[in-house]
Amino acid sequence: MTLRRARGWLLRLVRQRAWSAAIGAALVLPAAWVELTGRFAAWWVDGLALVVGATGIALLWTGIVGAPADWVD
């Protein structure tokens, strides 16, 4: 049930472009810092930074470009 709520929250977030871009930028910046500085030795920190960074880039892109249409007339 928790995953369904998280998915619904994420889908509602994507429809709000300003919030999507802001949260995307907030996720990308720390993930890029972790990846570029290399201060953390744990292997899972790099993996988590990649996942968070990719999610942030996707949200940022959706906030800039907008969500695609569900169908084409």
Protein backbone atom coordinates (compact mmCIF):
# COMPACT_ATOMS: atom_id res chain seq x y z
CA MET A 1 0.00 0.00 0.00
CA THR A 2 2.86 2.39 0.74
CA LEU A 3 4.33 2.01 -2.74
CA ARG A 4 0.97 2.85 -4.30
CA ARG A 5 0.77 6.04 -2.24
CA ALA A 6 4.33 7.01 -3.18
CA ARG A 7 3.58 6.40 -6.85
CA GLY A 8 0.43 8.53 -6.66
CA TRP A 9 2.32 11.32 -4.92
CA LEU A 10 5.01 11.22 -7.61
CA LEU A 11 2.45 11.30 -10.43
CA ARG A 12 0.70 14.31 -8.86
CA LEU A 13 4.06 16.01 -8.41
CA VAL A 14 4.92 15.64 -12.10
CA ARG A 15 1.76 17.54 -13.06
CA GLN A 16 2.87 20.58 -11.04
CA ARG A 17 5.75 21.94 -13.10
CA ALA A 18 7.16 24.46 -10.63
CA TRP A 19 7.29 22.00 -7.75
CA SER A 20 8.68 19.31 -10.02
CA ALA A 21 11.54 21.54 -11.15
CA ALA A 22 12.30 22.72 -7.62
CA ILE A 23 12.35 19.24 -6.10
CA GLY A 24 14.31 17.93 -9.08
CA ALA A 25 17.00 20.57 -8.58
CA ALA A 26 17.02 19.85 -4.85
CA LEU A 27 17.70 16.18 -5.59
CA VAL A 28 20.30 16.73 -8.33
CA LEU A 29 22.59 19.09 -6.42
CA PRO A 30 23.44 16.84 -3.43
CA ALA A 31 23.67 13.78 -5.68
CA ALA A 32 26.15 15.56 -7.94
CA TRP A 33 28.14 16.68 -4.91
CA VAL A 34 28.39 13.11 -3.62
CA GLU A 35 29.41 11.79 -7.03
CA LEU A 36 31.97 14.50 -7.80
CA THR A 37 33.69 14.85 -4.43
CA GLY A 38 34.24 11.15 -3.75
CA ARG A 39 34.42 11.65 0.02
CA PHE A 40 32.26 8.66 0.84
CA ALA A 41 33.86 5.21 0.74
CA ALA A 42 30.71 3.10 1.06
CA TRP A 43 29.64 1.51 -2.21
CA TRP A 44 25.94 2.01 -1.53
CA VAL A 45 26.32 5.79 -1.21
CA ASP A 46 27.44 6.04 -4.83
CA GLY A 47 24.53 3.88 -5.97
CA LEU A 48 22.04 5.88 -3.95
CA ALA A 49 23.47 9.12 -5.35
CA LEU A 50 23.00 7.80 -8.89
CA VAL A 51 19.37 6.84 -8.27
CA VAL A 52 18.56 10.13 -6.53
CA GLY A 53 20.37 12.11 -9.22
CA ALA A 54 18.56 10.33 -12.05
CA THR A 55 15.21 10.91 -10.35
CA GLY A 56 16.10 14.56 -9.85
CA ILE A 57 17.09 14.98 -13.49
CA ALA A 58 13.83 13.38 -14.61
CA LEU A 59 11.79 15.67 -12.36
CA LEU A 60 13.77 18.73 -13.43
CA TRP A 61 13.32 17.88 -17.11
CA THR A 62 9.61 17.32 -16.64
CA GLY A 63 9.35 20.63 -14.81
CA ILE A 64 11.07 22.46 -17.67
CA VAL A 65 9.50 20.70 -20.66
CA GLY A 66 6.20 19.52 -19.18
CA ALA A 67 4.54 16.15 -19.05
CA PRO A 68 3.87 14.50 -22.42
CA ALA A 69 0.30 13.98 -23.58
CA ASP A 70 -1.31 10.63 -22.89
CA TRP A 71 -2.51 10.31 -26.47
CA VAL A 72 -2.14 11.97 -29.87
CA ASP A 73 -5.22 13.06 -31.80
